[in-house]
Protein backbone atom coordinates (compact mmCIF):
# COMPACT_ATOMS: atom_id res chain seq x y z
CA UNK A 1 0.10 0.08 0.11
CA UNK A 2 1.93 3.27 -1.07
CA UNK A 3 0.78 6.68 -0.92
CA UNK A 4 1.34 8.36 -4.38
CA UNK A 5 -1.20 10.72 -5.86
CA UNK A 6 -2.17 7.47 -8.59
CA UNK A 7 -2.95 5.36 -5.33
CA UNK A 8 -5.12 7.86 -4.14
CA UNK A 9 -7.50 8.07 -6.84
CA UNK A 10 -7.75 4.44 -6.66
CA UNK A 11 -8.41 4.32 -3.19
CA UNK A 12 -11.40 6.65 -3.49
CA UNK A 13 -12.97 4.39 -6.03
CA UNK A 14 -12.06 1.50 -4.04
CA UNK A 15 -14.23 3.50 -1.06
CA UNK A 16 -17.20 4.33 -3.86
CA UNK A 17 -17.30 1.01 -4.73
CA UNK A 18 -17.48 -0.41 -1.10
CA UNK A 19 -20.26 2.11 -0.33
CA UNK A 20 -22.38 1.70 -3.52
CA UNK A 21 -22.04 -1.67 -2.63
CA UNK A 22 -23.15 -2.25 0.89
CA UNK A 23 -26.02 0.21 0.09
CA UNK A 24 -26.80 -2.32 -3.01
CA UNK A 25 -26.93 -5.17 -0.32
CA UNK A 26 -29.17 -2.85 2.42
CA UNK A 27 -31.36 -2.43 -0.18
CA UNK A 28 -31.62 -5.54 -1.74
CA UNK A 29 -32.03 -7.05 1.78
CA UNK A 30 -34.75 -4.49 3.03
CA UNK A 31 -36.79 -5.56 -0.91
CA UNK A 32 -36.22 -9.08 -0.62
CA UNK A 33 -37.22 -9.33 3.41
CA UNK A 34 -40.60 -7.32 2.72
CA UNK A 35 -41.41 -9.39 -0.31
CA UNK A 36 -41.37 -6.48 -2.88
CA UNK A 37 -38.12 -7.36 -5.22
CA UNK A 38 -37.92 -4.99 -7.88
CA UNK A 39 -35.70 -4.81 -10.95
CA UNK A 40 -35.42 -1.26 -10.70
CA UNK A 41 -33.31 -1.98 -6.99
CA UNK A 42 -30.17 -3.03 -9.55
CA UNK A 43 -30.96 -0.36 -12.32
CA UNK A 44 -30.82 2.45 -9.51
CA UNK A 45 -27.18 1.24 -8.87
CA UNK A 46 -26.55 1.00 -12.94
CA UNK A 47 -27.16 4.54 -13.42
CA UNK A 48 -25.56 6.28 -10.84
CA UNK A 49 -22.60 4.32 -12.19
CA UNK A 50 -23.32 6.18 -15.46
CA UNK A 51 -23.47 9.40 -13.78
CA UNK A 52 -21.16 9.16 -10.89
CA UNK A 53 -18.43 7.10 -11.78
CA UNK A 54 -18.49 7.40 -15.40
CA UNK A 55 -17.69 11.43 -15.26
CA UNK A 56 -14.89 10.39 -12.33
CA UNK A 57 -13.29 8.09 -14.71
CA UNK A 58 -13.11 10.85 -17.65
CA UNK A 59 -11.49 13.53 -15.09
CA UNK A 60 -9.02 10.69 -14.03
CA UNK A 61 -8.31 10.30 -17.98
CA UNK A 62 -8.22 13.86 -18.93
CA UNK A 63 -5.85 14.72 -15.67
CA UNK A 64 -2.45 14.28 -18.81
CA UNK A 65 -3.55 17.12 -20.38
CA UNK A 66 -4.49 19.49 -17.72
CA UNK A 67 -1.76 22.38 -17.56
CA UNK A 68 -1.93 23.24 -14.11
CA UNK A 69 -2.28 19.20 -13.23
CA UNK A 70 -4.22 20.33 -10.37
CA UNK A 71 -7.63 21.28 -11.11
CA UNK A 72 -8.49 17.84 -12.82
CA UNK A 73 -7.41 16.09 -9.57
CA UNK A 74 -9.04 18.43 -7.24
CA UNK A 75 -12.28 18.19 -9.34
CA UNK A 76 -11.86 14.26 -8.95
CA UNK A 77 -11.63 14.15 -5.35
CA UNK A 78 -14.20 17.11 -4.36
CA UNK A 79 -16.51 14.00 -7.12
CA UNK A 80 -15.40 11.48 -5.02
CA UNK A 81 -15.75 12.87 -1.56
CA UNK A 82 -19.19 13.86 -2.98
CA UNK A 83 -20.49 9.94 -4.13
CA UNK A 84 -19.06 8.69 -1.22
CA UNK A 85 -21.14 11.68 1.53
CA UNK A 86 -24.02 10.40 -1.13
CA UNK A 87 -24.18 6.74 -0.16
CA UNK A 88 -23.32 7.25 3.26
CA UNK A 89 -26.47 9.48 4.39
CA UNK A 90 -27.91 7.21 1.71
CA UNK A 91 -27.69 4.10 4.23
CA UNK A 92 -28.05 6.32 7.35
CA UNK A 93 -31.54 7.14 5.88
CA UNK A 94 -32.02 3.18 5.11
CA UNK A 95 -31.92 2.62 9.41
CA UNK A 96 -34.86 5.37 9.77
């Protein structure tokens, strides 16, 4: 485990996918035990991959053309923290 900038970007994506999977498992289990299992449970997460993860990957691929070297990196980490906080708040709201 190293601490270079590229590694922190990968760790951010791992944490994001971890919270996304945890939220999915909680939503799946709750809908399963209620007896209201519907395909929308999985489709919501596929949509989130398209709306949240794909733009972060686009920012990651555009870092090489950034003249300052920090604008896209800062945007990537702000976006990553925003998505992670969204899933943390979603997990908390599922238990209320």
